[in-house]
Amino acid sequence: MSEIDRPYVVNPEAIGDPDQTPVVQLPSEMAAYFERTRCPECRQINQTHADDCAAEDPR
């Protein structure tokens, strides 16, 4: 996997700093995957759901 194919932190100085949020740049293929698999109800990614999401599997 080349450097361009991996996510990277745009502002590494923010890691561990409670006053800043690290910004992660995703490769276009990874960003497209997350968009395709986003929950249509709560819009969360990575097969997760908001606590009140109607689409969440109640198992």
PDB file of N, CA and C in Angstrom:
ATOM      1  N   MET A   1       0.853  -1.174   0.000  1.00  0.00           N
ATOM      2  CA  MET A   1       0.000   0.000   0.000  1.00  0.00           C
ATOM      3  C   MET A   1       0.896   1.232   0.000  1.00  0.00           C
ATOM      4  N   SER A   2       0.714   2.076  -0.955  1.00  0.00           N
ATOM      5  CA  SER A   2       1.541   3.275  -1.032  1.00  0.00           C
ATOM      6  C   SER A   2       1.047   4.336  -0.057  1.00  0.00           C
ATOM      7  N   GLU A   3       1.857   5.338   0.140  1.00  0.00           N
ATOM      8  CA  GLU A   3       1.536   6.429   1.053  1.00  0.00           C
ATOM      9  C   GLU A   3       0.220   7.103   0.664  1.00  0.00           C
ATOM     10  N   ILE A   4      -0.043   7.226  -0.610  1.00  0.00           N
ATOM     11  CA  ILE A   4      -1.253   7.895  -1.090  1.00  0.00           C
ATOM     12  C   ILE A   4      -2.509   7.053  -0.877  1.00  0.00           C
ATOM     13  N   ASP A   5      -2.357   5.746  -0.661  1.00  0.00           N
ATOM     14  CA  ASP A   5      -3.492   4.848  -0.469  1.00  0.00           C
ATOM     15  C   ASP A   5      -3.925   4.723   0.986  1.00  0.00           C
ATOM     16  N   ARG A   6      -3.205   5.359   1.894  1.00  0.00           N
ATOM     17  CA  ARG A   6      -3.505   5.243   3.316  1.00  0.00           C
ATOM     18  C   ARG A   6      -4.054   6.553   3.852  1.00  0.00           C
ATOM     19  N   PRO A   7      -4.914   6.466   4.872  1.00  0.00           N
ATOM     20  CA  PRO A   7      -5.352   7.702   5.531  1.00  0.00           C
ATOM     21  C   PRO A   7      -4.161   8.360   6.219  1.00  0.00           C
ATOM     22  N   TYR A   8      -4.175   9.672   6.312  1.00  0.00           N
ATOM     23  CA  TYR A   8      -3.120  10.359   7.058  1.00  0.00           C
ATOM     24  C   TYR A   8      -3.706  11.555   7.792  1.00  0.00           C
ATOM     25  N   VAL A   9      -3.062  11.911   8.879  1.00  0.00           N
ATOM     26  CA  VAL A   9      -3.500  13.034   9.699  1.00  0.00           C
ATOM     27  C   VAL A   9      -2.898  14.311   9.123  1.00  0.00           C
ATOM     28  N   VAL A  10      -3.768  15.235   8.771  1.00  0.00           N
ATOM     29  CA  VAL A  10      -3.346  16.498   8.161  1.00  0.00           C
ATOM     30  C   VAL A  10      -2.643  17.393   9.180  1.00  0.00           C
ATOM     31  N   ASN A  11      -3.107  17.361  10.407  1.00  0.00           N
ATOM     32  CA  ASN A  11      -2.542  18.216  11.458  1.00  0.00           C
ATOM     33  C   ASN A  11      -2.073  17.359  12.632  1.00  0.00           C
ATOM     34  N   PRO A  12      -0.931  16.671  12.500  1.00  0.00           N
ATOM     35  CA  PRO A  12      -0.484  15.749  13.552  1.00  0.00           C
ATOM     36  C   PRO A  12      -0.252  16.419  14.909  1.00  0.00           C
ATOM     37  N   GLU A  13      -0.043  17.712  14.933  1.00  0.00           N
ATOM     38  CA  GLU A  13       0.157  18.401  16.213  1.00  0.00           C
ATOM     39  C   GLU A  13      -1.109  18.350  17.075  1.00  0.00           C
ATOM     40  N   ALA A  14      -2.271  18.057  16.472  1.00  0.00           N
ATOM     41  CA  ALA A  14      -3.533  18.000  17.208  1.00  0.00           C
ATOM     42  C   ALA A  14      -3.724  16.688  17.964  1.00  0.00           C
ATOM     43  N   ILE A  15      -2.954  15.665  17.629  1.00  0.00           N
ATOM     44  CA  ILE A  15      -3.097  14.375  18.293  1.00  0.00           C
ATOM     45  C   ILE A  15      -2.703  14.523  19.760  1.00  0.00           C
ATOM     46  N   GLY A  16      -3.624  14.193  20.632  1.00  0.00           N
ATOM     47  CA  GLY A  16      -3.383  14.291  22.063  1.00  0.00           C
ATOM     48  C   GLY A  16      -3.654  15.657  22.660  1.00  0.00           C
ATOM     49  N   ASP A  17      -3.970  16.634  21.838  1.00  0.00           N
ATOM     50  CA  ASP A  17      -4.258  17.982  22.326  1.00  0.00           C
ATOM     51  C   ASP A  17      -5.773  18.107  22.519  1.00  0.00           C
ATOM     52  N   PRO A  18      -6.246  18.281  23.747  1.00  0.00           N
ATOM     53  CA  PRO A  18      -7.690  18.347  23.984  1.00  0.00           C
ATOM     54  C   PRO A  18      -8.360  19.573  23.367  1.00  0.00           C
ATOM     55  N   ASP A  19      -7.590  20.565  22.954  1.00  0.00           N
ATOM     56  CA  ASP A  19      -8.156  21.774  22.368  1.00  0.00           C
ATOM     57  C   ASP A  19      -8.215  21.735  20.842  1.00  0.00           C
ATOM     58  N   GLN A  20      -7.742  20.635  20.240  1.00  0.00           N
ATOM     59  CA  GLN A  20      -7.750  20.525  18.780  1.00  0.00           C
ATOM     60  C   GLN A  20      -8.340  19.180  18.374  1.00  0.00           C
ATOM     61  N   THR A  21      -8.824  19.104  17.159  1.00  0.00           N
ATOM     62  CA  THR A  21      -9.339  17.854  16.604  1.00  0.00           C
ATOM     63  C   THR A  21      -8.454  17.438  15.449  1.00  0.00           C
ATOM     64  N   PRO A  22      -7.883  16.232  15.510  1.00  0.00           N
ATOM     65  CA  PRO A  22      -7.095  15.759  14.373  1.00  0.00           C
ATOM     66  C   PRO A  22      -7.985  15.610  13.134  1.00  0.00           C
ATOM     67  N   VAL A  23      -7.483  16.024  11.993  1.00  0.00           N
ATOM     68  CA  VAL A  23      -8.198  15.919  10.719  1.00  0.00           C
ATOM     69  C   VAL A  23      -7.535  14.817   9.913  1.00  0.00           C
ATOM     70  N   VAL A  24      -8.325  13.809   9.524  1.00  0.00           N
ATOM     71  CA  VAL A  24      -7.795  12.673   8.785  1.00  0.00           C
ATOM     72  C   VAL A  24      -8.232  12.771   7.334  1.00  0.00           C
ATOM     73  N   GLN A  25      -7.268  12.716   6.440  1.00  0.00           N
ATOM     74  CA  GLN A  25      -7.532  12.728   4.999  1.00  0.00           C
ATOM     75  C   GLN A  25      -7.619  11.279   4.526  1.00  0.00           C
ATOM     76  N   LEU A  26      -8.748  10.911   3.911  1.00  0.00           N
ATOM     77  CA  LEU A  26      -8.933   9.550   3.420  1.00  0.00           C
ATOM     78  C   LEU A  26      -8.638   9.472   1.932  1.00  0.00           C
ATOM     79  N   PRO A  27      -8.093   8.340   1.472  1.00  0.00           N
ATOM     80  CA  PRO A  27      -7.954   8.141   0.026  1.00  0.00           C
ATOM     81  C   PRO A  27      -9.347   8.105  -0.603  1.00  0.00           C
ATOM     82  N   SER A  28      -9.462   8.468  -1.857  1.00  0.00           N
ATOM     83  CA  SER A  28     -10.771   8.579  -2.498  1.00  0.00           C
ATOM     84  C   SER A  28     -11.531   7.258  -2.493  1.00  0.00           C
ATOM     85  N   GLU A  29     -10.846   6.130  -2.658  1.00  0.00           N
ATOM     86  CA  GLU A  29     -11.536   4.840  -2.657  1.00  0.00           C
ATOM     87  C   GLU A  29     -12.144   4.535  -1.294  1.00  0.00           C
ATOM     88  N   MET A  30     -11.426   4.872  -0.223  1.00  0.00           N
ATOM     89  CA  MET A  30     -11.923   4.622   1.122  1.00  0.00           C
ATOM     90  C   MET A  30     -13.104   5.546   1.430  1.00  0.00           C
ATOM     91  N   ALA A  31     -13.003   6.795   1.039  1.00  0.00           N
ATOM     92  CA  ALA A  31     -14.098   7.738   1.259  1.00  0.00           C
ATOM     93  C   ALA A  31     -15.348   7.284   0.502  1.00  0.00           C
ATOM     94  N   ALA A  32     -15.178   6.789  -0.716  1.00  0.00           N
ATOM     95  CA  ALA A  32     -16.312   6.307  -1.510  1.00  0.00           C
ATOM     96  C   ALA A  32     -16.952   5.086  -0.851  1.00  0.00           C
ATOM     97  N   TYR A  33     -16.131   4.201  -0.304  1.00  0.00           N
ATOM     98  CA  TYR A  33     -16.658   3.022   0.391  1.00  0.00           C
ATOM     99  C   TYR A  33     -17.515   3.441   1.583  1.00  0.00           C
ATOM    100  N   PHE A  34     -17.017   4.362   2.390  1.00  0.00           N
ATOM    101  CA  PHE A  34     -17.782   4.820   3.547  1.00  0.00           C
ATOM    102  C   PHE A  34     -19.088   5.473   3.115  1.00  0.00           C
ATOM    103  N   GLU A  35     -19.087   6.219   2.032  1.00  0.00           N
ATOM    104  CA  GLU A  35     -20.326   6.827   1.531  1.00  0.00           C
ATOM    105  C   GLU A  35     -21.318   5.759   1.094  1.00  0.00           C
ATOM    106  N   ARG A  36     -20.842   4.724   0.411  1.00  0.00           N
ATOM    107  CA  ARG A  36     -21.737   3.656  -0.065  1.00  0.00           C
ATOM    108  C   ARG A  36     -22.325   2.849   1.081  1.00  0.00           C
ATOM    109  N   THR A  37     -21.609   2.718   2.186  1.00  0.00           N
ATOM    110  CA  THR A  37     -22.077   1.887   3.287  1.00  0.00           C
ATOM    111  C   THR A  37     -22.670   2.702   4.437  1.00  0.00           C
ATOM    112  N   ARG A  38     -22.877   3.970   4.218  1.00  0.00           N
ATOM    113  CA  ARG A  38     -23.461   4.851   5.244  1.00  0.00           C
ATOM    114  C   ARG A  38     -24.910   4.443   5.505  1.00  0.00           C
ATOM    115  N   CYS A  39     -25.336   4.457   6.773  1.00  0.00           N
ATOM    116  CA  CYS A  39     -26.722   4.147   7.120  1.00  0.00           C
ATOM    117  C   CYS A  39     -27.637   5.230   6.533  1.00  0.00           C
ATOM    118  N   PRO A  40     -28.685   4.840   5.809  1.00  0.00           N
ATOM    119  CA  PRO A  40     -29.576   5.840   5.218  1.00  0.00           C
ATOM    120  C   PRO A  40     -30.419   6.587   6.252  1.00  0.00           C
ATOM    121  N   GLU A  41     -30.556   6.026   7.444  1.00  0.00           N
ATOM    122  CA  GLU A  41     -31.366   6.667   8.483  1.00  0.00           C
ATOM    123  C   GLU A  41     -30.570   7.685   9.298  1.00  0.00           C
ATOM    124  N   CYS A  42     -29.505   7.210   9.952  1.00  0.00           N
ATOM    125  CA  CYS A  42     -28.766   8.083  10.882  1.00  0.00           C
ATOM    126  C   CYS A  42     -27.489   8.651  10.265  1.00  0.00           C
ATOM    127  N   ARG A  43     -27.098   8.157   9.080  1.00  0.00           N
ATOM    128  CA  ARG A  43     -25.960   8.647   8.316  1.00  0.00           C
ATOM    129  C   ARG A  43     -24.604   8.311   8.929  1.00  0.00           C
ATOM    130  N   GLN A  44     -24.558   7.418   9.930  1.00  0.00           N
ATOM    131  CA  GLN A  44     -23.262   7.019  10.475  1.00  0.00           C
ATOM    132  C   GLN A  44     -22.591   6.022   9.537  1.00  0.00           C
ATOM    133  N   ILE A  45     -21.266   5.949   9.634  1.00  0.00           N
ATOM    134  CA  ILE A  45     -20.495   5.081   8.749  1.00  0.00           C
ATOM    135  C   ILE A  45     -19.985   3.857   9.496  1.00  0.00           C
ATOM    136  N   ASN A  46     -19.349   2.958   8.742  1.00  0.00           N
ATOM    137  CA  ASN A  46     -18.643   1.817   9.301  1.00  0.00           C
ATOM    138  C   ASN A  46     -19.573   0.843  10.027  1.00  0.00           C
ATOM    139  N   GLN A  47     -20.776   0.686   9.515  1.00  0.00           N
ATOM    140  CA  GLN A  47     -21.780  -0.230  10.040  1.00  0.00           C
ATOM    141  C   GLN A  47     -22.111   0.041  11.501  1.00  0.00           C
ATOM    142  N   THR A  48     -22.125   1.304  11.870  1.00  0.00           N
ATOM    143  CA  THR A  48     -22.554   1.700  13.207  1.00  0.00           C
ATOM    144  C   THR A  48     -23.832   2.515  13.065  1.00  0.00           C
ATOM    145  N   HIS A  49     -24.558   2.663  14.151  1.00  0.00           N
ATOM    146  CA  HIS A  49     -25.811   3.416  14.131  1.00  0.00           C
ATOM    147  C   HIS A  49     -25.890   4.316  15.356  1.00  0.00           C
ATOM    148  N   ALA A  50     -26.634   5.391  15.228  1.00  0.00           N
ATOM    149  CA  ALA A  50     -26.925   6.243  16.377  1.00  0.00           C
ATOM    150  C   ALA A  50     -27.814   5.453  17.336  1.00  0.00           C
ATOM    151  N   ASP A  51     -27.800   5.804  18.599  1.00  0.00           N
ATOM    152  CA  ASP A  51     -28.586   5.084  19.602  1.00  0.00           C
ATOM    153  C   ASP A  51     -30.074   5.051  19.259  1.00  0.00           C
ATOM    154  N   ASP A  52     -30.576   6.103  18.649  1.00  0.00           N
ATOM    155  CA  ASP A  52     -31.998   6.178  18.335  1.00  0.00           C
ATOM    156  C   ASP A  52     -32.312   5.848  16.869  1.00  0.00           C
ATOM    157  N   CYS A  53     -31.393   5.199  16.176  1.00  0.00           N
ATOM    158  CA  CYS A  53     -31.576   4.892  14.759  1.00  0.00           C
ATOM    159  C   CYS A  53     -32.625   3.788  14.569  1.00  0.00           C
ATOM    160  N   ALA A  54     -33.609   4.045  13.716  1.00  0.00           N
ATOM    161  CA  ALA A  54     -34.668   3.071  13.442  1.00  0.00           C
ATOM    162  C   ALA A  54     -34.157   1.893  12.631  1.00  0.00           C
ATOM    163  N   ALA A  55     -33.058   2.057  11.915  1.00  0.00           N
ATOM    164  CA  ALA A  55     -32.529   0.992  11.069  1.00  0.00           C
ATOM    165  C   ALA A  55     -31.631   0.031  11.827  1.00  0.00           C
ATOM    166  N   GLU A  56     -31.299   0.342  13.069  1.00  0.00           N
ATOM    167  CA  GLU A  56     -30.389  -0.513  13.842  1.00  0.00           C
ATOM    168  C   GLU A  56     -31.002  -1.880  14.091  1.00  0.00           C
ATOM    169  N   ASP A  57     -30.215  -2.919  13.897  1.00  0.00           N
ATOM    170  CA  ASP A  57     -30.648  -4.291  14.120  1.00  0.00           C
ATOM    171  C   ASP A  57     -30.784  -4.513  15.634  1.00  0.00           C
ATOM    172  N   PRO A  58     -31.958  -4.887  16.113  1.00  0.00           N
ATOM    173  CA  PRO A  58     -32.177  -4.984  17.562  1.00  0.00           C
ATOM    174  C   PRO A  58     -31.576  -6.218  18.229  1.00  0.00           C
ATOM    175  N   ARG A  59     -30.755  -6.974  17.552  1.00  0.00           N
ATOM    176  CA  ARG A  59     -30.181  -8.190  18.150  1.00  0.00           C
ATOM    177  C   ARG A  59     -29.349  -7.910  19.331  1.00  0.00           C
TER     178      ARG A  59
END
